[in-house]
Protein backbone atom coordinates (compact mmCIF):
# COMPACT_ATOMS: atom_id res chain seq x y z
CA MET A 1 -4.84 -13.80 6.09
CA GLN A 2 -1.30 -14.01 7.48
CA SER A 3 -2.10 -11.35 10.09
CA CYS A 4 -5.70 -12.39 10.86
CA THR A 5 -6.25 -12.60 14.62
CA ARG A 6 -8.64 -15.48 14.08
CA ALA A 7 -5.59 -17.70 13.53
CA HIS A 8 -4.94 -17.57 17.30
CA LEU A 9 -8.22 -19.45 17.84
CA ASP A 10 -8.48 -21.74 14.83
CA LYS A 11 -7.60 -20.40 11.38
CA PRO A 12 -7.82 -17.11 9.45
CA LEU A 13 -10.86 -16.04 7.49
CA GLU A 14 -10.68 -17.90 4.19
CA ILE A 15 -10.62 -14.91 1.88
CA ASP A 16 -9.15 -16.93 -0.98
CA MET A 17 -11.92 -19.54 -0.77
CA MET A 18 -14.60 -16.86 -0.69
CA GLY A 19 -13.13 -15.31 -3.79
CA LYS A 20 -13.18 -18.65 -5.61
CA LEU A 21 -16.79 -19.31 -4.60
CA ALA A 22 -17.81 -16.05 -6.24
CA LEU A 23 -16.98 -17.59 -9.62
CA GLU A 24 -19.80 -20.12 -9.24
CA LEU A 25 -22.49 -17.57 -8.48
CA PRO A 26 -25.03 -16.84 -11.22
CA ALA A 27 -25.98 -13.28 -12.10
CA PRO A 28 -28.38 -11.84 -9.49
CA GLN A 29 -32.03 -11.22 -10.25
CA LYS A 30 -32.75 -7.75 -11.61
CA GLU A 31 -35.23 -5.33 -10.15
CA PRO A 32 -38.44 -4.65 -12.15
CA PRO A 33 -37.92 -2.43 -15.23
CA THR A 34 -37.87 1.30 -14.54
CA GLY A 35 -38.00 2.53 -18.14
CA HIS A 36 -34.96 4.76 -17.65
CA THR A 37 -32.18 4.62 -20.26
CA ILE A 38 -28.48 5.00 -19.58
CA ALA A 39 -25.47 4.84 -21.88
CA VAL A 40 -22.05 3.69 -20.70
CA ILE A 41 -19.10 4.45 -22.96
CA GLY A 42 -16.26 2.02 -22.27
CA GLY A 43 -16.31 -1.71 -21.54
CA GLY A 44 -13.43 -1.87 -19.06
CA PRO A 45 -13.69 -2.46 -15.29
CA ALA A 46 -15.24 0.95 -14.58
CA GLY A 47 -17.81 0.77 -17.38
CA MET A 48 -18.75 -2.83 -16.66
CA SER A 49 -19.11 -2.05 -12.96
CA ALA A 50 -21.45 0.89 -13.58
CA ALA A 51 -23.46 -1.01 -16.21
CA TRP A 52 -23.78 -3.98 -13.83
CA GLN A 53 -25.11 -1.86 -10.97
CA LEU A 54 -27.54 0.06 -13.14
CA ALA A 55 -28.87 -3.04 -14.92
CA LEU A 56 -29.48 -4.71 -11.56
CA LYS A 57 -31.66 -1.75 -10.60
CA GLY A 58 -33.89 -2.40 -13.62
CA HIS A 59 -32.63 0.34 -15.93
CA VAL A 60 -32.03 -0.12 -19.66
CA VAL A 61 -28.27 0.10 -20.22
CA ASP A 62 -26.45 0.47 -23.54
CA LEU A 63 -22.71 -0.18 -23.32
CA TYR A 64 -20.42 1.04 -26.12
CA GLU A 65 -16.95 -0.52 -26.48
CA SER A 66 -14.43 0.32 -29.21
CA THR A 67 -12.91 -3.18 -29.33
CA ASP A 68 -14.59 -6.51 -29.99
CA LYS A 69 -14.24 -7.68 -26.36
CA LEU A 70 -15.23 -6.56 -22.90
CA GLY A 71 -12.65 -6.11 -20.17
CA GLY A 72 -10.55 -3.10 -21.18
CA LYS A 73 -7.10 -3.28 -19.60
CA LEU A 74 -8.15 -6.43 -17.74
CA GLU A 75 -8.30 -8.10 -21.14
CA LEU A 76 -5.59 -6.18 -22.94
CA CYS A 77 -2.85 -5.41 -20.45
CA ILE A 78 -2.84 -7.55 -17.30
CA PRO A 79 -0.61 -10.62 -17.77
CA LYS A 80 -2.46 -13.93 -17.86
CA GLU A 81 -0.35 -15.33 -15.03
CA ARG A 82 -1.84 -12.69 -12.72
CA LEU A 83 -5.40 -12.82 -14.10
CA PRO A 84 -6.16 -16.26 -15.61
CA ARG A 85 -8.39 -15.84 -18.63
CA GLN A 86 -10.89 -18.46 -17.44
CA ILE A 87 -11.65 -16.18 -14.47
CA LEU A 88 -12.09 -13.13 -16.70
CA LYS A 89 -14.26 -15.08 -19.15
CA ARG A 90 -16.50 -16.27 -16.32
CA GLU A 91 -16.94 -12.75 -14.97
CA VAL A 92 -17.73 -11.42 -18.45
CA SER A 93 -20.23 -14.23 -19.13
CA ARG A 94 -22.03 -13.47 -15.86
CA PHE A 95 -22.11 -9.80 -16.83
CA VAL A 96 -23.67 -10.65 -20.21
CA GLU A 97 -26.42 -12.61 -18.41
CA LEU A 98 -27.82 -9.33 -17.06
CA GLY A 99 -28.98 -8.29 -20.51
CA VAL A 100 -26.95 -5.11 -20.92
CA ARG A 101 -27.27 -4.08 -24.57
CA LEU A 102 -23.74 -4.42 -25.95
CA HIS A 103 -22.40 -2.35 -28.84
CA LEU A 104 -18.95 -3.84 -29.43
CA SER A 105 -16.48 -2.61 -32.07
CA THR A 106 -18.15 0.79 -31.78
CA LYS A 107 -15.72 3.68 -31.64
CA VAL A 108 -17.34 6.81 -30.26
CA ASN A 109 -16.44 10.01 -32.11
CA GLY A 110 -18.02 13.44 -31.78
CA LYS A 111 -20.99 12.60 -33.99
CA LYS A 112 -21.65 9.28 -32.26
CA PHE A 113 -21.39 10.89 -28.82
CA ASP A 114 -23.99 13.47 -29.81
CA GLU A 115 -26.29 10.67 -30.95
CA ILE A 116 -25.81 8.73 -27.71
CA TYR A 117 -26.30 11.88 -25.63
CA LYS A 118 -29.64 12.72 -27.26
CA SER A 119 -31.06 9.19 -26.98
CA HIS A 120 -30.30 8.53 -23.30
CA GLU A 121 -31.20 10.17 -20.00
CA VAL A 122 -27.70 9.73 -18.57
CA VAL A 123 -24.28 9.12 -20.12
CA VAL A 124 -21.42 7.53 -18.16
CA LEU A 125 -17.92 8.06 -19.51
CA ALA A 126 -15.67 5.12 -18.64
CA CYS A 127 -13.26 5.06 -21.57
CA GLY A 128 -10.13 4.65 -19.47
CA ALA A 129 -6.68 5.94 -20.39
CA HIS A 130 -5.25 4.16 -23.41
CA GLN A 131 -2.95 6.73 -24.97
CA PRO A 132 0.62 6.12 -23.77
CA ARG A 133 2.40 9.06 -22.18
CA LYS A 134 5.81 9.64 -23.73
CA VAL A 135 8.95 11.61 -22.96
CA SER A 136 10.93 12.76 -25.99
CA PHE A 137 14.69 12.34 -26.17
CA PRO A 138 17.07 11.28 -28.96
CA GLY A 139 16.10 7.73 -29.94
CA SER A 140 12.74 7.71 -28.13
CA GLU A 141 11.02 6.96 -31.44
CA ASP A 142 12.63 3.49 -31.31
CA LEU A 143 10.91 2.61 -28.02
CA ILE A 144 7.61 0.79 -27.56
CA SER A 145 5.04 1.81 -24.95
CA ALA A 146 4.08 -0.52 -22.11
CA TYR A 147 0.45 -0.36 -23.24
CA ASP A 148 1.30 -1.53 -26.78
CA PHE A 149 3.75 -4.15 -25.49
CA LEU A 150 1.28 -5.77 -23.09
CA ARG A 151 -1.69 -5.44 -25.44
CA ASP A 152 0.16 -7.13 -28.30
CA ILE A 153 1.08 -10.07 -26.07
CA ASN A 154 -2.49 -10.52 -24.85
CA LEU A 155 -3.73 -10.36 -28.45
CA GLY A 156 -1.31 -13.12 -29.44
CA ASN A 157 1.36 -10.99 -31.14
CA LYS A 158 4.30 -12.21 -29.07
CA PRO A 159 7.63 -10.34 -29.26
CA ASP A 160 10.87 -12.13 -30.06
CA LEU A 161 13.03 -11.34 -27.04
CA GLU A 162 15.13 -14.50 -27.03
CA ASP A 163 18.49 -13.77 -25.36
CA LYS A 164 17.86 -10.02 -25.51
CA LYS A 165 18.61 -7.42 -22.85
CA VAL A 166 15.51 -5.40 -22.01
CA VAL A 167 15.32 -2.02 -20.27
CA VAL A 168 12.02 -0.68 -18.90
CA ILE A 169 11.74 3.06 -18.30
CA GLY A 170 9.38 3.34 -15.34
CA ALA A 171 9.26 1.07 -12.31
CA GLY A 172 5.59 1.20 -11.38
CA ASN A 173 3.27 -1.80 -11.26
CA VAL A 174 2.81 -1.76 -15.04
CA GLY A 175 6.57 -1.60 -15.50
CA MET A 176 6.88 -4.72 -13.35
CA ASP A 177 4.25 -6.47 -15.52
CA VAL A 178 6.33 -5.55 -18.56
CA ALA A 179 9.47 -6.95 -16.93
CA SER A 180 7.75 -10.24 -16.08
CA GLU A 181 6.37 -10.63 -19.59
CA ALA A 182 9.78 -9.84 -21.10
CA TYR A 183 11.25 -12.76 -19.15
CA ASN A 184 8.31 -14.94 -20.21
CA HIS A 185 9.26 -14.27 -23.83
CA GLY A 186 12.94 -15.10 -23.63
CA ALA A 187 14.72 -11.99 -22.33
CA VAL A 188 18.10 -12.80 -20.81
CA SER A 189 17.97 -9.79 -18.48
CA VAL A 190 15.53 -7.02 -17.56
CA ILE A 191 16.42 -3.77 -15.81
CA ALA A 192 13.79 -1.22 -14.80
CA VAL A 193 14.88 2.38 -14.25
CA ASP A 194 13.02 5.28 -12.68
CA ILE A 195 13.66 8.92 -11.81
CA GLN A 196 12.61 8.30 -8.21
CA LYS A 197 11.85 5.55 -5.72
CA PRO A 198 9.87 2.85 -7.57
CA ALA A 199 6.11 3.09 -7.16
CA ALA A 200 5.58 -0.65 -7.69
CA SER A 201 4.45 -2.70 -4.74
CA GLY A 202 2.89 -6.02 -3.95
CA VAL A 203 2.62 -9.03 -6.21
CA GLU A 204 3.73 -7.23 -9.39
CA MET A 205 7.13 -6.39 -7.93
CA GLU A 206 7.47 -9.77 -6.22
CA ILE A 207 6.91 -11.66 -9.48
CA ALA A 208 9.25 -9.41 -11.48
CA LYS A 209 12.06 -9.62 -8.92
CA ALA A 210 11.66 -13.38 -8.57
CA LYS A 211 12.32 -13.69 -12.29
CA GLY A 212 15.48 -11.61 -12.04
CA THR A 213 14.40 -8.00 -12.63
CA GLN A 214 16.80 -5.36 -11.33
CA ILE A 215 15.64 -1.83 -10.47
CA PHE A 216 17.90 1.23 -10.62
CA TRP A 217 16.99 4.74 -9.48
CA PRO A 218 17.28 7.69 -9.77
CA LYS A 219 17.99 7.48 -13.51
CA PHE A 220 17.21 10.26 -15.98
CA THR A 221 17.34 9.04 -19.58
CA GLU A 222 19.46 11.11 -21.96
CA ARG A 223 19.27 9.11 -25.22
CA PHE A 224 18.84 5.67 -26.75
CA ASP A 225 21.15 4.48 -29.53
CA LYS A 226 19.42 1.62 -31.34
CA SER A 227 22.41 0.78 -33.56
CA GLU A 228 24.78 0.69 -30.58
CA ARG A 229 22.12 -1.07 -28.47
CA LYS A 230 22.72 1.18 -25.50
CA ILE A 231 20.64 3.55 -23.42
CA PHE A 232 22.47 6.51 -21.86
CA PHE A 233 21.62 8.44 -18.70
CA LYS A 234 22.34 12.00 -17.58
CA ASP A 235 24.62 10.79 -14.78
CA GLY A 236 27.08 9.53 -17.40
CA THR A 237 26.19 5.85 -17.07
CA SER A 238 24.71 3.55 -19.70
CA LEU A 239 23.08 0.13 -20.01
CA ASP A 240 23.10 -2.46 -22.78
CA ALA A 241 19.63 -2.45 -24.29
CA ASP A 242 18.42 -4.54 -27.22
CA PHE A 243 14.80 -3.61 -26.50
CA VAL A 244 13.42 -0.65 -24.53
CA VAL A 245 9.88 -0.20 -23.20
CA MET A 246 8.55 3.11 -21.87
CA SER A 247 6.17 2.66 -18.95
CA ILE A 248 5.34 6.07 -17.49
CA GLY A 249 1.55 5.92 -17.60
CA ASP A 250 -1.28 6.57 -20.03
CA VAL A 251 -3.68 9.45 -20.64
CA PRO A 252 -7.28 9.51 -21.93
CA GLN A 253 -8.26 10.29 -25.50
CA LEU A 254 -10.94 12.96 -25.20
CA ASP A 255 -11.22 14.36 -28.70
CA PHE A 256 -14.83 13.10 -29.02
CA LEU A 257 -16.13 15.23 -26.15
CA PRO A 258 -18.09 18.45 -26.72
CA PRO A 259 -16.53 21.66 -25.35
CA GLY A 260 -19.16 21.83 -22.61
CA ILE A 261 -17.49 19.07 -20.62
CA HIS A 262 -14.68 20.52 -18.51
CA VAL A 263 -11.22 18.95 -18.72
CA GLU A 264 -8.32 19.72 -16.37
CA ARG A 265 -4.76 18.82 -17.39
CA GLY A 266 -5.97 16.11 -19.72
CA TRP A 267 -8.44 14.49 -17.30
CA ILE A 268 -12.19 14.93 -16.99
CA ALA A 269 -13.10 16.97 -13.92
CA VAL A 270 -15.89 15.56 -11.73
CA ASN A 271 -17.55 16.47 -8.43
CA ASN A 272 -18.11 14.14 -5.48
CA LYS A 273 -21.02 12.55 -7.35
CA TYR A 274 -18.83 11.78 -10.38
CA GLN A 275 -20.79 14.38 -12.37
CA THR A 276 -18.97 16.39 -15.01
CA SER A 277 -19.70 20.03 -15.80
CA ASP A 278 -22.68 18.65 -17.76
CA VAL A 279 -25.05 17.27 -15.08
CA LYS A 280 -26.30 14.62 -17.52
CA VAL A 281 -22.80 13.20 -18.02
CA TYR A 282 -20.84 11.25 -15.40
CA ALA A 283 -17.19 10.13 -15.58
CA ILE A 284 -15.49 7.28 -13.71
CA GLY A 285 -12.27 5.29 -13.70
CA ASP A 286 -8.98 6.23 -15.35
CA ILE A 287 -10.61 8.91 -17.49
CA THR A 288 -10.70 11.05 -14.31
CA GLY A 289 -7.16 10.12 -13.17
CA LEU A 290 -4.98 7.02 -13.10
CA GLY A 291 -5.79 4.49 -10.40
CA LEU A 292 -6.07 0.81 -9.62
CA VAL A 293 -8.60 -1.62 -11.06
CA THR A 294 -10.26 -1.61 -7.64
CA HIS A 295 -10.68 2.16 -7.94
CA ALA A 296 -12.41 1.79 -11.29
CA ILE A 297 -14.79 -0.90 -10.02
CA GLY A 298 -15.53 1.16 -6.91
CA HIS A 299 -16.25 4.26 -9.01
CA GLY A 300 -18.74 2.25 -11.04
CA ARG A 301 -20.51 0.91 -7.96
CA ILE A 302 -20.86 4.30 -6.25
CA ALA A 303 -21.73 6.21 -9.43
CA GLY A 304 -24.31 3.58 -10.36
CA ASP A 305 -25.92 3.98 -6.95
CA ILE A 306 -25.96 7.77 -7.23
CA ILE A 307 -27.39 7.73 -10.77
CA HIS A 308 -30.13 5.31 -9.73
CA TYR A 309 -31.33 7.52 -6.90
CA GLU A 310 -31.11 10.63 -9.06
CA LEU A 311 -33.28 9.01 -11.75
CA MET A 312 -35.78 7.67 -9.23
CA HIS A 313 -35.94 11.02 -7.38
CA ALA A 314 -35.32 9.19 -4.12
CA PRO A 315 -33.04 10.23 -1.24
CA ARG A 316 -29.78 8.34 -0.98
CA PHE A 317 -28.61 7.59 2.53
CA PRO A 318 -25.02 6.61 3.30
CA GLU A 319 -24.48 3.16 4.76
CA ILE A 320 -24.47 3.27 8.55
CA LYS A 321 -21.95 0.94 10.16
CA GLN A 322 -22.37 -0.25 13.73
CA VAL A 323 -19.25 0.04 15.85
CA ILE A 324 -18.31 -3.00 17.95
CA PRO A 325 -17.57 -1.99 21.58
CA TYR A 326 -13.83 -2.22 22.12
CA GLU A 327 -14.22 -4.11 25.41
CA LYS A 328 -15.86 -6.99 23.54
CA ILE A 329 -12.97 -7.51 21.15
CA LYS A 330 -11.46 -10.38 23.13
CA THR A 331 -10.93 -13.96 22.07
CA GLU A 332 -13.06 -15.37 24.90
CA TYR A 333 -16.17 -13.90 23.28
CA TYR A 334 -15.70 -16.04 20.18
CA ASP A 335 -16.20 -19.77 19.70
CA VAL A 336 -13.58 -22.00 18.18
CA CYS A 337 -14.80 -23.29 14.81
CA ARG A 338 -14.27 -26.97 14.06
CA GLY A 339 -14.19 -28.62 10.67
CA ASP A 340 -13.73 -27.32 7.19
CA PHE A 341 -15.07 -24.29 5.36
CA VAL A 342 -18.87 -24.44 5.41
CA SER A 343 -20.34 -21.42 3.65
CA PRO A 344 -19.44 -17.81 2.82
CA GLU A 345 -21.88 -16.55 5.47
CA VAL A 346 -20.38 -18.72 8.20
CA SER A 347 -16.83 -17.75 7.26
CA ALA A 348 -17.62 -14.03 7.11
CA ASN A 349 -19.28 -14.17 10.53
CA ARG A 350 -16.08 -15.57 12.02
CA CYS A 351 -14.50 -12.11 11.80
CA MET A 352 -13.69 -10.84 15.28
CA SER A 353 -13.70 -7.13 14.33
CA CYS A 354 -10.30 -6.95 16.03
CA ALA A 355 -9.09 -4.16 13.73
CA THR A 356 -5.71 -5.80 13.11
CA CYS A 357 -6.30 -5.28 9.41
CA ARG A 358 -6.69 -1.57 10.15
CA ASP A 359 -2.98 -1.47 10.95
CA CYS A 360 -1.69 -3.37 7.91
CA ARG A 361 0.50 -0.44 6.72
CA MET A 362 -0.55 -1.04 3.11
CA CYS A 363 -1.35 2.66 2.60
CA GLU A 364 2.10 3.61 3.87
CA ALA A 365 3.76 1.14 1.50
CA THR A 366 1.58 2.10 -1.46
CA CYS A 367 1.93 5.89 -1.23
CA TYR A 368 4.13 6.85 -4.18
CA TRP A 369 5.26 10.13 -2.63
CA GLY A 370 5.81 8.95 0.95
CA ALA A 371 3.07 11.25 2.20
CA ILE A 372 1.68 8.74 4.73
CA SER A 373 3.49 7.72 7.90
CA ARG A 374 2.58 5.70 10.99
CA VAL A 375 3.12 7.62 14.23
CA GLU A 376 3.24 5.81 17.57
CA HIS A 377 2.07 7.52 20.76
CA SER A 378 2.52 6.75 24.43
CA GLY A 379 0.37 3.96 25.82
CA GLY A 380 0.62 1.87 22.66
CA SER A 381 -1.76 3.96 20.54
CA TYR A 382 -0.89 5.02 17.02
CA GLU A 383 -2.21 6.96 14.06
CA TYR A 384 -1.56 7.32 10.35
CA VAL A 385 -0.88 10.90 9.32
CA VAL A 386 -0.69 12.59 5.94
CA ASP A 387 1.84 15.24 4.98
CA ASP A 388 -0.27 17.70 2.97
CA SER A 389 2.83 19.08 1.30
CA LEU A 390 3.56 15.67 -0.26
CA CYS A 391 0.06 14.29 -0.91
CA ILE A 392 -1.07 14.68 -4.52
CA GLY A 393 -4.59 13.32 -3.97
CA CYS A 394 -4.09 10.23 -6.13
CA GLY A 395 -6.41 8.17 -3.91
CA PHE A 396 -4.26 5.01 -3.92
CA CYS A 397 -4.46 4.83 -0.10
CA ALA A 398 -8.27 4.90 -0.21
CA GLY A 399 -8.31 2.23 -2.89
CA VAL A 400 -5.91 -0.19 -1.22
CA CYS A 401 -7.24 0.08 2.36
CA PRO A 402 -9.14 -3.11 3.29
CA CYS A 403 -11.19 -1.27 5.93
CA GLY A 404 -12.17 2.00 4.27
CA VAL A 405 -10.20 4.09 6.76
CA TRP A 406 -9.12 6.63 4.16
CA GLU A 407 -11.57 8.91 2.37
CA MET A 408 -11.02 11.37 -0.45
CA VAL A 409 -12.33 14.89 0.14
CA GLU A 410 -12.78 17.40 -2.67
CA ASN A 411 -10.54 20.45 -2.45
CA VAL A 412 -12.38 23.68 -1.74
């Protein structure tokens, strides 16, 4: 909104207001029943997104969730100051209105998966990544994982950090959430360390730094001495540490899967249709590789669309977008709008298609490995280029881009 060209005429598109209005919308009407049955394993953002799309198309959807609540990491790990629980509850209640058959507190093991597989036409794996990744060093057994730390807080088991010095190993977005919550629960200081330039960006880092979080890098941990309350690094330095949290990511738990489903380096391998090596089984979200919540929701939307057309034996055509002629992108072609916000349709139609948001540099700032750079050319033109030797194919650029400029292409 700060960069919106519309502000030169009247005021920016009211993205925040449109988001708030979405909370008041009821669940959409479903299509007529198709008789097809689909199972979704996992009630986090990816699983709920896929179940939502498929239920809207008229399919019978069974959703299996190991805990007693929907939401996954939205419910368990994102701090309430960033995602107010009344918003999450409203979204979940609207989801329930669709009539998805919920099987809460249902942990899927090998036997249960076989049962689900035999009783449904399609199975969607959306279990997420909930097993904390750990690095072993002397004293690492006295650390707590970021996943457990944030989950315990959201479940009401609040840590006693009053006047304690906290060190967070890992300075990604989750590490910043940990730092913020540590301050919320009485920590006198929080220092995040990382082996390389911090991957955190955006509101997570802003909130953590505003509360006093310091970030040091590169730091390679050598050992943690709980009795001495110190953490030591390989460069010979140390930090006072009453409480240490390890935040270096999570991995999926896949022990329930049959051997026929291919796994690569701990993640489920999928093709460009989100199909696994078993054509009846699809996989989306963090179970295929760590990403943002927006990635997980997007996976669910696209996979749901693909599954629907596969079941209905109908061709699926990509959305065709009409390009606005460049010569018409001038302020004189657009009327000044008077008065207050009227409706979502009116506000959305105020967009001038000026493409300013296509040069927001968010992909460049988000890229963990610095693989993306903005290159300026003569005449005022520019382009964003990718260094193939640095890109790891994480897809963060595609997920964060507001305009869909970036696309992920399967390696061949």
